[in-house]
C-alpha atoms as a PDB file:
ATOM      1  CA  MET A   1      -5.956  -5.880  21.411  1.00  0.00           C
ATOM      2  CA  ALA A   2      -3.870  -4.000  18.842  1.00  0.00           C
ATOM      3  CA  ASP A   3      -4.563  -0.308  18.356  1.00  0.00           C
ATOM      4  CA  VAL A   4      -6.374   0.270  15.042  1.00  0.00           C
ATOM      5  CA  LEU A   5      -5.129   3.447  13.343  1.00  0.00           C
ATOM      6  CA  LEU A   6      -7.020   3.136  10.046  1.00  0.00           C
ATOM      7  CA  SER A   7     -10.210   1.197   9.413  1.00  0.00           C
ATOM      8  CA  VAL A   8     -11.728   0.691   5.965  1.00  0.00           C
ATOM      9  CA  LYS A   9     -15.323  -0.554   6.079  1.00  0.00           C
ATOM     10  CA  ASP A  10     -17.258  -1.648   2.959  1.00  0.00           C
ATOM     11  CA  LEU A  11     -15.372   0.849   0.790  1.00  0.00           C
ATOM     12  CA  SER A  12     -16.568   1.169  -2.816  1.00  0.00           C
ATOM     13  CA  VAL A  13     -15.119   3.381  -5.546  1.00  0.00           C
ATOM     14  CA  HIS A  14     -16.830   3.873  -8.910  1.00  0.00           C
ATOM     15  CA  PHE A  15     -15.675   5.589 -12.083  1.00  0.00           C
ATOM     16  CA  GLY A  16     -17.564   6.630 -15.191  1.00  0.00           C
ATOM     17  CA  LYS A  17     -21.234   7.326 -15.728  1.00  0.00           C
ATOM     18  CA  LYS A  18     -23.725   6.968 -12.906  1.00  0.00           C
ATOM     19  CA  ARG A  19     -25.990   4.683 -14.945  1.00  0.00           C
ATOM     20  CA  ARG A  20     -23.191   2.294 -15.927  1.00  0.00           C
ATOM     21  CA  PRO A  21     -20.324   2.898 -13.508  1.00  0.00           C
ATOM     22  CA  PHE A  22     -17.069   0.973 -13.517  1.00  0.00           C
ATOM     23  CA  VAL A  23     -16.643  -0.591 -10.076  1.00  0.00           C
ATOM     24  CA  ALA A  24     -12.947  -0.222  -9.248  1.00  0.00           C
ATOM     25  CA  VAL A  25     -13.294  -1.165  -5.566  1.00  0.00           C
ATOM     26  CA  ASN A  26     -16.191  -3.304  -4.350  1.00  0.00           C
ATOM     27  CA  ARG A  27     -17.056  -3.275  -0.614  1.00  0.00           C
ATOM     28  CA  VAL A  28     -13.504  -3.664   0.702  1.00  0.00           C
ATOM     29  CA  SER A  29     -12.883  -3.894   4.451  1.00  0.00           C
ATOM     30  CA  PHE A  30      -9.687  -4.136   6.511  1.00  0.00           C
ATOM     31  CA  ASP A  31      -7.987  -2.637   9.579  1.00  0.00           C
ATOM     32  CA  ILE A  32      -4.430  -1.327   9.828  1.00  0.00           C
ATOM     33  CA  TYR A  33      -2.874  -1.374  13.291  1.00  0.00           C
ATOM     34  CA  ARG A  34      -0.712   1.421  14.610  1.00  0.00           C
ATOM     35  CA  GLY A  35       2.987   0.798  13.870  1.00  0.00           C
ATOM     36  CA  GLU A  36       2.531  -2.051  11.380  1.00  0.00           C
ATOM     37  CA  THR A  37       3.195  -2.355   7.660  1.00  0.00           C
ATOM     38  CA  PHE A  38       0.041  -3.580   5.942  1.00  0.00           C
ATOM     39  CA  GLY A  39       0.522  -4.889   2.412  1.00  0.00           C
ATOM     40  CA  LEU A  40      -2.002  -4.690  -0.412  1.00  0.00           C
ATOM     41  CA  VAL A  41      -1.037  -6.888  -3.356  1.00  0.00           C
ATOM     42  CA  GLY A  42      -2.646  -7.604  -6.702  1.00  0.00           C
ATOM     43  CA  GLU A  43      -2.121  -7.391 -10.441  1.00  0.00           C
ATOM     44  CA  SER A  44      -2.419  -4.171 -12.445  1.00  0.00           C
ATOM     45  CA  GLY A  45      -6.000  -2.889 -12.473  1.00  0.00           C
ATOM     46  CA  SER A  46      -7.010  -4.740  -9.313  1.00  0.00           C
ATOM     47  CA  GLY A  47      -7.907  -1.539  -7.460  1.00  0.00           C
ATOM     48  CA  LYS A  48      -5.082  -1.379  -4.947  1.00  0.00           C
ATOM     49  CA  THR A  49      -3.825   2.085  -5.944  1.00  0.00           C
ATOM     50  CA  THR A  50      -7.417   3.365  -6.021  1.00  0.00           C
ATOM     51  CA  ILE A  51      -7.813   2.347  -2.376  1.00  0.00           C
ATOM     52  CA  GLY A  52      -4.669   4.264  -1.458  1.00  0.00           C
ATOM     53  CA  ARG A  53      -5.879   7.348  -3.332  1.00  0.00           C
ATOM     54  CA  ALA A  54      -9.284   7.100  -1.665  1.00  0.00           C
ATOM     55  CA  ILE A  55      -7.587   7.102   1.748  1.00  0.00           C
ATOM     56  CA  ILE A  56      -5.718  10.341   0.982  1.00  0.00           C
ATOM     57  CA  ARG A  57      -8.943  11.832  -0.454  1.00  0.00           C
ATOM     58  CA  VAL A  58      -7.695  12.151  -4.035  1.00  0.00           C
ATOM     59  CA  VAL A  59     -10.425   9.776  -5.268  1.00  0.00           C
ATOM     60  CA  PRO A  60     -13.985  10.125  -3.878  1.00  0.00           C
ATOM     61  CA  SER A  61     -15.628   7.032  -2.419  1.00  0.00           C
ATOM     62  CA  ALA A  62     -19.000   5.787  -3.668  1.00  0.00           C
ATOM     63  CA  GLY A  63     -19.854   4.028  -0.417  1.00  0.00           C
ATOM     64  CA  GLY A  64     -18.492   2.766   2.872  1.00  0.00           C
ATOM     65  CA  ASP A  65     -16.366   4.449   5.539  1.00  0.00           C
ATOM     66  CA  ILE A  66     -12.689   5.273   5.982  1.00  0.00           C
ATOM     67  CA  VAL A  67     -12.006   5.907   9.669  1.00  0.00           C
ATOM     68  CA  PHE A  68      -8.631   7.345  10.673  1.00  0.00           C
ATOM     69  CA  ASP A  69      -7.801   7.500  14.371  1.00  0.00           C
ATOM     70  CA  GLY A  70     -11.490   7.350  15.249  1.00  0.00           C
ATOM     71  CA  LYS A  71     -12.657   9.985  12.720  1.00  0.00           C
ATOM     72  CA  LYS A  72     -14.422   9.378   9.415  1.00  0.00           C
ATOM     73  CA  ILE A  73     -12.324  11.050   6.701  1.00  0.00           C
ATOM     74  CA  ASN A  74     -14.141  10.198   3.455  1.00  0.00           C
ATOM     75  CA  GLY A  75     -17.043  12.173   2.033  1.00  0.00           C
ATOM     76  CA  LYS A  76     -17.754  15.724   3.184  1.00  0.00           C
ATOM     77  CA  ILE A  77     -15.618  16.709   6.170  1.00  0.00           C
ATOM     78  CA  SER A  78     -14.730  19.984   7.885  1.00  0.00           C
ATOM     79  CA  LYS A  79     -11.779  22.117   6.792  1.00  0.00           C
ATOM     80  CA  GLU A  80     -10.074  21.458  10.122  1.00  0.00           C
ATOM     81  CA  LEU A  81     -10.307  17.676   9.677  1.00  0.00           C
ATOM     82  CA  ASP A  82      -9.199  17.966   6.052  1.00  0.00           C
ATOM     83  CA  ARG A  83      -6.115  19.883   7.198  1.00  0.00           C
ATOM     84  CA  GLU A  84      -5.447  17.255   9.870  1.00  0.00           C
ATOM     85  CA  VAL A  85      -5.700  14.442   7.307  1.00  0.00           C
ATOM     86  CA  THR A  86      -3.297  16.288   4.981  1.00  0.00           C
ATOM     87  CA  ASN A  87      -0.758  16.638   7.771  1.00  0.00           C
ATOM     88  CA  ARG A  88      -1.048  13.155   9.253  1.00  0.00           C
ATOM     89  CA  ILE A  89      -1.446  11.056   6.071  1.00  0.00           C
ATOM     90  CA  GLN A  90       1.091  11.289   3.259  1.00  0.00           C
ATOM     91  CA  MET A  91       1.725   9.310   0.069  1.00  0.00           C
ATOM     92  CA  ILE A  92       4.886   8.110  -1.658  1.00  0.00           C
ATOM     93  CA  PHE A  93       4.107   7.808  -5.361  1.00  0.00           C
ATOM     94  CA  GLN A  94       5.141   5.086  -7.784  1.00  0.00           C
ATOM     95  CA  ASP A  95       7.001   7.151 -10.381  1.00  0.00           C
ATOM     96  CA  PRO A  96       9.582   9.428  -8.709  1.00  0.00           C
ATOM     97  CA  MET A  97      10.050  11.412 -11.924  1.00  0.00           C
ATOM     98  CA  ALA A  98       6.391  12.111 -12.699  1.00  0.00           C
ATOM     99  CA  SER A  99       5.541  13.025  -9.086  1.00  0.00           C
ATOM    100  CA  LEU A 100       8.190  15.773  -8.817  1.00  0.00           C
ATOM    101  CA  ASN A 101       7.846  19.241 -10.339  1.00  0.00           C
ATOM    102  CA  GLU A 102      10.637  19.496 -12.918  1.00  0.00           C
ATOM    103  CA  ARG A 103      10.646  23.291 -12.785  1.00  0.00           C
ATOM    104  CA  ALA A 104      11.004  23.539  -9.020  1.00  0.00           C
ATOM    105  CA  LYS A 105      14.098  23.117  -6.901  1.00  0.00           C
ATOM    106  CA  VAL A 106      14.283  20.353  -4.329  1.00  0.00           C
ATOM    107  CA  SER A 107      14.012  22.888  -1.498  1.00  0.00           C
ATOM    108  CA  TYR A 108      10.567  23.976  -2.709  1.00  0.00           C
ATOM    109  CA  ILE A 109       9.395  20.439  -3.584  1.00  0.00           C
ATOM    110  CA  VAL A 110      10.192  19.129  -0.112  1.00  0.00           C
ATOM    111  CA  SER A 111       8.895  22.170   1.786  1.00  0.00           C
ATOM    112  CA  GLU A 112       5.733  22.817  -0.248  1.00  0.00           C
ATOM    113  CA  GLY A 113       3.482  21.268   2.393  1.00  0.00           C
ATOM    114  CA  ILE A 114       4.796  23.574   5.154  1.00  0.00           C
ATOM    115  CA  TYR A 115       5.314  26.664   2.993  1.00  0.00           C
ATOM    116  CA  ARG A 116       2.757  28.883   4.763  1.00  0.00           C
ATOM    117  CA  ARG A 117       3.421  27.539   8.241  1.00  0.00           C
ATOM    118  CA  PHE A 118       7.049  28.612   8.733  1.00  0.00           C
ATOM    119  CA  ASP A 119       9.370  31.380   7.644  1.00  0.00           C
ATOM    120  CA  ARG A 120      12.188  30.887   5.120  1.00  0.00           C
ATOM    121  CA  GLN A 121      14.876  30.128   7.699  1.00  0.00           C
ATOM    122  CA  GLU A 122      12.785  27.527   9.525  1.00  0.00           C
ATOM    123  CA  ARG A 123      11.776  25.899   6.242  1.00  0.00           C
ATOM    124  CA  ALA A 124      15.419  25.628   5.205  1.00  0.00           C
ATOM    125  CA  LEU A 125      16.312  23.932   8.484  1.00  0.00           C
ATOM    126  CA  ARG A 126      13.456  21.449   8.157  1.00  0.00           C
ATOM    127  CA  VAL A 127      14.340  20.667   4.524  1.00  0.00           C
ATOM    128  CA  GLU A 128      17.948  20.024   5.524  1.00  0.00           C
ATOM    129  CA  LYS A 129      16.827  17.687   8.315  1.00  0.00           C
ATOM    130  CA  ALA A 130      14.431  15.808   6.002  1.00  0.00           C
ATOM    131  CA  LEU A 131      17.110  15.357   3.329  1.00  0.00           C
ATOM    132  CA  ARG A 132      19.611  14.053   5.870  1.00  0.00           C
ATOM    133  CA  GLU A 133      17.057  11.581   7.197  1.00  0.00           C
ATOM    134  CA  VAL A 134      16.703  10.003   3.755  1.00  0.00           C
ATOM    135  CA  GLY A 135      20.470   9.922   3.118  1.00  0.00           C
ATOM    136  CA  LEU A 136      20.791  12.994   0.876  1.00  0.00           C
ATOM    137  CA  LEU A 137      23.191  15.930   1.262  1.00  0.00           C
ATOM    138  CA  PRO A 138      21.788  19.335   2.306  1.00  0.00           C
ATOM    139  CA  GLU A 139      23.333  21.018  -0.755  1.00  0.00           C
ATOM    140  CA  PHE A 140      20.985  18.985  -2.962  1.00  0.00           C
ATOM    141  CA  ALA A 141      18.243  21.420  -1.930  1.00  0.00           C
ATOM    142  CA  GLY A 142      19.349  23.899  -4.593  1.00  0.00           C
ATOM    143  CA  ARG A 143      19.177  21.424  -7.492  1.00  0.00           C
ATOM    144  CA  PHE A 144      16.403  20.298  -9.855  1.00  0.00           C
ATOM    145  CA  PRO A 145      14.906  16.761 -10.028  1.00  0.00           C
ATOM    146  CA  HIS A 146      16.426  15.956 -13.452  1.00  0.00           C
ATOM    147  CA  GLU A 147      19.901  16.171 -11.878  1.00  0.00           C
ATOM    148  CA  PHE A 148      19.293  13.065  -9.749  1.00  0.00           C
ATOM    149  CA  SER A 149      19.137   9.319 -10.287  1.00  0.00           C
ATOM    150  CA  GLY A 150      15.910   7.356  -9.864  1.00  0.00           C
ATOM    151  CA  GLY A 151      16.800   6.254  -6.355  1.00  0.00           C
ATOM    152  CA  GLN A 152      17.690   9.786  -5.301  1.00  0.00           C
ATOM    153  CA  ARG A 153      14.441  11.142  -6.750  1.00  0.00           C
ATOM    154  CA  GLN A 154      12.464   8.584  -4.766  1.00  0.00           C
ATOM    155  CA  ARG A 155      14.324   9.663  -1.621  1.00  0.00           C
ATOM    156  CA  ILE A 156      13.279  13.244  -2.373  1.00  0.00           C
ATOM    157  CA  GLY A 157       9.683  12.011  -2.552  1.00  0.00           C
ATOM    158  CA  ILE A 158      10.105  10.291   0.816  1.00  0.00           C
ATOM    159  CA  ALA A 159      11.606  13.479   2.309  1.00  0.00           C
ATOM    160  CA  ARG A 160       8.594  15.447   1.003  1.00  0.00           C
ATOM    161  CA  ALA A 161       6.307  13.062   2.913  1.00  0.00           C
ATOM    162  CA  LEU A 162       8.417  13.012   6.083  1.00  0.00           C
ATOM    163  CA  ILE A 163       8.651  16.797   6.459  1.00  0.00           C
ATOM    164  CA  MET A 164       4.917  16.830   7.261  1.00  0.00           C
ATOM    165  CA  GLN A 165       5.649  14.559  10.254  1.00  0.00           C
ATOM    166  CA  PRO A 166       2.855  12.106   9.345  1.00  0.00           C
ATOM    167  CA  ASP A 167       1.580   9.170  11.362  1.00  0.00           C
ATOM    168  CA  PHE A 168       0.485   7.148   8.326  1.00  0.00           C
ATOM    169  CA  ILE A 169       2.114   6.771   4.894  1.00  0.00           C
ATOM    170  CA  VAL A 170       0.604   5.205   1.779  1.00  0.00           C
ATOM    171  CA  ALA A 171       3.543   3.791  -0.201  1.00  0.00           C
ATOM    172  CA  ASP A 172       2.256   3.104  -3.721  1.00  0.00           C
ATOM    173  CA  GLU A 173       4.730   0.827  -5.533  1.00  0.00           C
ATOM    174  CA  PRO A 174       7.618   2.931  -4.136  1.00  0.00           C
ATOM    175  CA  ILE A 175      10.371   0.776  -5.653  1.00  0.00           C
ATOM    176  CA  SER A 176       8.858  -0.604  -8.873  1.00  0.00           C
ATOM    177  CA  ALA A 177      10.454   2.145 -11.014  1.00  0.00           C
ATOM    178  CA  LEU A 178      13.905   1.650  -9.463  1.00  0.00           C
ATOM    179  CA  ASP A 179      16.848  -0.537 -10.425  1.00  0.00           C
ATOM    180  CA  VAL A 180      17.212  -3.791  -8.514  1.00  0.00           C
ATOM    181  CA  SER A 181      20.415  -2.548  -6.829  1.00  0.00           C
ATOM    182  CA  ILE A 182      18.580   0.511  -5.447  1.00  0.00           C
ATOM    183  CA  ARG A 183      15.423  -1.267  -4.278  1.00  0.00           C
ATOM    184  CA  ALA A 184      16.970  -2.787  -1.162  1.00  0.00           C
ATOM    185  CA  GLN A 185      18.344   0.607  -0.121  1.00  0.00           C
ATOM    186  CA  VAL A 186      14.915   2.243  -0.321  1.00  0.00           C
ATOM    187  CA  LEU A 187      13.219  -0.673   1.482  1.00  0.00           C
ATOM    188  CA  ASN A 188      15.794  -0.549   4.282  1.00  0.00           C
ATOM    189  CA  LEU A 189      15.344   3.220   4.492  1.00  0.00           C
ATOM    190  CA  LEU A 190      11.558   2.847   4.875  1.00  0.00           C
ATOM    191  CA  SER A 191      12.042   0.169   7.523  1.00  0.00           C
ATOM    192  CA  ASP A 192      14.522   2.305   9.504  1.00  0.00           C
ATOM    193  CA  LEU A 193      12.280   5.373   9.321  1.00  0.00           C
ATOM    194  CA  GLN A 194       9.348   3.323  10.590  1.00  0.00           C
ATOM    195  CA  LYS A 195      11.314   2.279  13.676  1.00  0.00           C
ATOM    196  CA  GLU A 196      12.635   5.786  14.358  1.00  0.00           C
ATOM    197  CA  ARG A 197       9.352   7.639  13.847  1.00  0.00           C
ATOM    198  CA  LYS A 198       6.890   4.862  14.769  1.00  0.00           C
ATOM    199  CA  LEU A 199       5.225   5.186  11.374  1.00  0.00           C
ATOM    200  CA  THR A 200       2.389   3.076  10.002  1.00  0.00           C
ATOM    201  CA  TYR A 201       2.503   2.020   6.337  1.00  0.00           C
ATOM    202  CA  LEU A 202       0.042   0.888   3.729  1.00  0.00           C
ATOM    203  CA  PHE A 203       2.458  -0.737   1.270  1.00  0.00           C
ATOM    204  CA  ILE A 204       0.987  -1.283  -2.200  1.00  0.00           C
ATOM    205  CA  SER A 205       2.764  -3.594  -4.640  1.00  0.00           C
ATOM    206  CA  HIS A 206       2.364  -6.369  -7.180  1.00  0.00           C
ATOM    207  CA  ASP A 207       5.606  -8.070  -6.065  1.00  0.00           C
ATOM    208  CA  LEU A 208       5.047 -10.620  -3.307  1.00  0.00           C
ATOM    209  CA  SER A 209       8.772 -11.171  -2.743  1.00  0.00           C
ATOM    210  CA  VAL A 210       9.097  -7.509  -1.746  1.00  0.00           C
ATOM    211  CA  MET A 211       5.984  -7.743   0.415  1.00  0.00           C
ATOM    212  CA  ARG A 212       7.420 -10.683   2.326  1.00  0.00           C
ATOM    213  CA  PHE A 213      10.457  -8.611   3.250  1.00  0.00           C
ATOM    214  CA  ILE A 214       8.676  -5.544   4.631  1.00  0.00           C
ATOM    215  CA  CYS A 215       5.026  -6.368   5.493  1.00  0.00           C
ATOM    216  CA  ASP A 216       3.519  -7.672   8.738  1.00  0.00           C
ATOM    217  CA  ARG A 217       0.187  -8.626   7.148  1.00  0.00           C
ATOM    218  CA  ILE A 218      -0.875  -8.908   3.503  1.00  0.00           C
ATOM    219  CA  ALA A 219      -4.256  -8.553   1.814  1.00  0.00           C
ATOM    220  CA  VAL A 220      -4.667  -9.977  -1.702  1.00  0.00           C
ATOM    221  CA  ILE A 221      -7.032  -8.043  -3.984  1.00  0.00           C
ATOM    222  CA  HIS A 222      -8.541  -9.178  -7.292  1.00  0.00           C
ATOM    223  CA  LYS A 223     -10.796  -6.971  -9.444  1.00  0.00           C
ATOM    224  CA  GLY A 224     -11.690  -4.698  -6.550  1.00  0.00           C
ATOM    225  CA  VAL A 225     -12.402  -7.481  -4.023  1.00  0.00           C
ATOM    226  CA  ILE A 226     -10.072  -8.658  -1.247  1.00  0.00           C
ATOM    227  CA  VAL A 227      -9.920 -12.455  -1.559  1.00  0.00           C
ATOM    228  CA  GLU A 228      -7.462 -13.311   1.228  1.00  0.00           C
ATOM    229  CA  LEU A 229      -5.831 -11.648   4.246  1.00  0.00           C
ATOM    230  CA  ALA A 230      -3.286 -13.140   6.629  1.00  0.00           C
ATOM    231  CA  GLN A 231      -0.029 -12.666   8.472  1.00  0.00           C
ATOM    232  CA  THR A 232       2.800 -12.576   5.938  1.00  0.00           C
ATOM    233  CA  GLU A 233       4.289 -15.963   6.786  1.00  0.00           C
ATOM    234  CA  GLN A 234       0.820 -17.518   7.081  1.00  0.00           C
ATOM    235  CA  LEU A 235       0.067 -16.402   3.546  1.00  0.00           C
ATOM    236  CA  PHE A 236       3.329 -17.741   2.127  1.00  0.00           C
ATOM    237  CA  SER A 237       3.308 -21.045   4.000  1.00  0.00           C
ATOM    238  CA  HIS A 238      -0.361 -21.839   3.423  1.00  0.00           C
ATOM    239  CA  PRO A 239      -2.101 -19.818   0.683  1.00  0.00           C
ATOM    240  CA  LEU A 240      -5.778 -20.747   0.363  1.00  0.00           C
ATOM    241  CA  HIS A 241      -7.434 -18.787  -2.429  1.00  0.00           C
ATOM    242  CA  PRO A 242      -6.555 -19.927  -5.991  1.00  0.00           C
ATOM    243  CA  TYR A 243      -5.704 -16.347  -6.994  1.00  0.00           C
ATOM    244  CA  THR A 244      -3.196 -16.085  -4.135  1.00  0.00           C
ATOM    245  CA  ARG A 245      -1.593 -19.351  -5.211  1.00  0.00           C
ATOM    246  CA  ALA A 246      -1.368 -18.041  -8.788  1.00  0.00           C
ATOM    247  CA  LEU A 247       0.426 -14.890  -7.599  1.00  0.00           C
ATOM    248  CA  LEU A 248       2.841 -16.906  -5.482  1.00  0.00           C
ATOM    249  CA  SER A 249       3.624 -19.233  -8.379  1.00  0.00           C
ATOM    250  CA  ALA A 250       4.793 -16.208 -10.388  1.00  0.00           C
ATOM    251  CA  VAL A 251       7.404 -15.161  -7.812  1.00  0.00           C
ATOM    252  CA  PRO A 252      10.907 -15.805  -9.284  1.00  0.00           C
ATOM    253  CA  MET A 253      13.004 -18.387  -7.448  1.00  0.00           C
ATOM    254  CA  PRO A 254      16.695 -17.691  -6.702  1.00  0.00           C
ATOM    255  CA  ASP A 255      17.664 -21.302  -7.497  1.00  0.00           C
ATOM    256  CA  PRO A 256      17.880 -21.809 -11.301  1.00  0.00           C
ATOM    257  CA  ASN A 257      17.019 -25.507 -11.072  1.00  0.00           C
ATOM    258  CA  THR A 258      13.933 -24.828  -8.966  1.00  0.00           C
ATOM    259  CA  GLU A 259      12.891 -22.002 -11.279  1.00  0.00           C
ATOM    260  CA  LYS A 260      13.334 -24.234 -14.332  1.00  0.00           C
ATOM    261  CA  HIS A 261      10.985 -26.922 -13.012  1.00  0.00           C
ATOM    262  CA  LYS A 262       8.455 -24.554 -11.459  1.00  0.00           C
ATOM    263  CA  VAL A 263       4.900 -24.970 -12.761  1.00  0.00           C
ATOM    264  CA  PRO A 264       2.942 -21.682 -12.892  1.00  0.00           C
ATOM    265  CA  VAL A 265      -0.619 -21.706 -11.563  1.00  0.00           C
ATOM    266  CA  VAL A 266      -3.190 -20.038 -13.822  1.00  0.00           C
ATOM    267  CA  TYR A 267      -6.178 -18.532 -12.056  1.00  0.00           C
ATOM    268  CA  ASP A 268      -9.551 -19.052 -13.732  1.00  0.00           C
ATOM    269  CA  PRO A 269     -12.424 -17.111 -12.079  1.00  0.00           C
ATOM    270  CA  SER A 270     -14.963 -19.485 -13.657  1.00  0.00           C
ATOM    271  CA  MET A 271     -13.803 -22.194 -11.228  1.00  0.00           C
ATOM    272  CA  HIS A 272     -15.973 -20.567  -8.557  1.00  0.00           C
ATOM    273  CA  HIS A 273     -19.678 -21.353  -8.461  1.00  0.00           C
ATOM    274  CA  TYR A 274     -21.222 -18.357  -6.747  1.00  0.00           C
ATOM    275  CA  GLU A 275     -24.639 -18.389  -8.461  1.00  0.00           C
ATOM    276  CA  THR A 276     -26.493 -19.962  -5.540  1.00  0.00           C
ATOM    277  CA  ASP A 277     -23.764 -20.545  -2.946  1.00  0.00           C
ATOM    278  CA  LYS A 278     -22.693 -16.954  -2.273  1.00  0.00           C
ATOM    279  CA  PRO A 279     -19.178 -16.207  -0.960  1.00  0.00           C
ATOM    280  CA  VAL A 280     -18.595 -14.544   2.397  1.00  0.00           C
ATOM    281  CA  TRP A 281     -15.547 -13.343   4.353  1.00  0.00           C
ATOM    282  CA  THR A 282     -14.463 -16.345   6.450  1.00  0.00           C
ATOM    283  CA  GLU A 283     -11.755 -16.876   9.075  1.00  0.00           C
ATOM    284  CA  ILE A 284     -10.122 -20.268   8.420  1.00  0.00           C
ATOM    285  CA  GLU A 285      -7.475 -19.958  11.119  1.00  0.00           C
ATOM    286  CA  LEU A 286      -6.665 -17.229  13.631  1.00  0.00           C
ATOM    287  CA  GLY A 287      -6.018 -14.066  11.636  1.00  0.00           C
ATOM    288  CA  HIS A 288      -6.267 -15.845   8.261  1.00  0.00           C
ATOM    289  CA  PHE A 289      -9.331 -14.785   6.258  1.00  0.00           C
ATOM    290  CA  VAL A 290     -10.501 -15.850   2.814  1.00  0.00           C
ATOM    291  CA  TYR A 291     -13.381 -14.947   0.501  1.00  0.00           C
ATOM    292  CA  ALA A 292     -15.237 -18.221  -0.070  1.00  0.00           C
ATOM    293  CA  ASN A 293     -18.626 -19.891  -0.238  1.00  0.00           C
ATOM    294  CA  GLU A 294     -19.661 -22.785   1.990  1.00  0.00           C
ATOM    295  CA  THR A 295     -18.281 -25.481  -0.326  1.00  0.00           C
ATOM    296  CA  GLU A 296     -14.915 -23.739  -0.650  1.00  0.00           C
ATOM    297  CA  ARG A 297     -14.758 -23.057   3.074  1.00  0.00           C
ATOM    298  CA  LYS A 298     -14.960 -26.787   3.812  1.00  0.00           C
ATOM    299  CA  GLU A 299     -12.220 -27.485   1.244  1.00  0.00           C
ATOM    300  CA  TYR A 300      -9.953 -24.819   2.746  1.00  0.00           C
ATOM    301  CA  GLU A 301     -10.514 -26.075   6.293  1.00  0.00           C
ATOM    302  CA  GLU A 302      -9.770 -29.633   5.176  1.00  0.00           C
ATOM    303  CA  ALA A 303      -6.613 -28.502   3.386  1.00  0.00           C
ATOM    304  CA  PHE A 304      -5.509 -26.536   6.436  1.00  0.00           C
ATOM    305  CA  ASN A 305      -5.987 -29.509   8.771  1.00  0.00           C
ATOM    306  CA  THR A 306      -4.142 -31.884   6.429  1.00  0.00           C
ATOM    307  CA  PRO A 307      -0.506 -32.411   7.523  1.00  0.00           C
ATOM    308  CA  ARG A 308       1.911 -30.695   5.146  1.00  0.00           C
END
């Protein structure tokens, strides 16, 4: 059995008034194994970033449990556990410009999390090490964020997370704001750091082509509900849920002729009939789960058993 590092059980997140709340995340459950890259994919507004922010305790949960390394970390927790969560779980934000303090030098930005734990000399050594690990020169520590390119700013954000020596990193669309030529560099950097430090990632994105490159397993989320979860190649070779197929049909193809004749799939939620036949979380094949009612489950099982 794989070692579960983070377990999310029936997590719900609400915004707005208590009488008429907006349900951003609705009873979401999944496990992330130690050392893996778990992908969470969905369109804008699906709730994927909210889940990541709930894990790092930026957004309060309305229900359910978030268990990290055997300890519940959502809701009211002790100061000691809160400090442990801050040290062991870090986040790489989507916009490298907005997430960095423009008035602070790189040395302070990277070392802010350890500022009261070490003296100036030790902090300087740790900042230099963190910058080198992400492919930046030590002399960059004395500069300001506006002096760097987008890719370099994102590397500074990664260095800020790494200096805390975390076990788990939430990477929220870490390459979406970068040029195409820089994206591969950042993805390769994250992959290399994972191998060197034995890190565990929650990788959040709307781009399935990127997810296929870096993720071990992928969960597909739609309007706050996870509709499908599978190993990466399982999901790409045999998508079951109509929303997953719609996302895959939007992935650009490298062959112009194939792209020209590709027919996009449009997802229509009204195609489901959940009034009487309620959907449940169902395992169609080993490790491949889908949100479906009894009628849909039979269709998915039949489709899976049909030679393709």
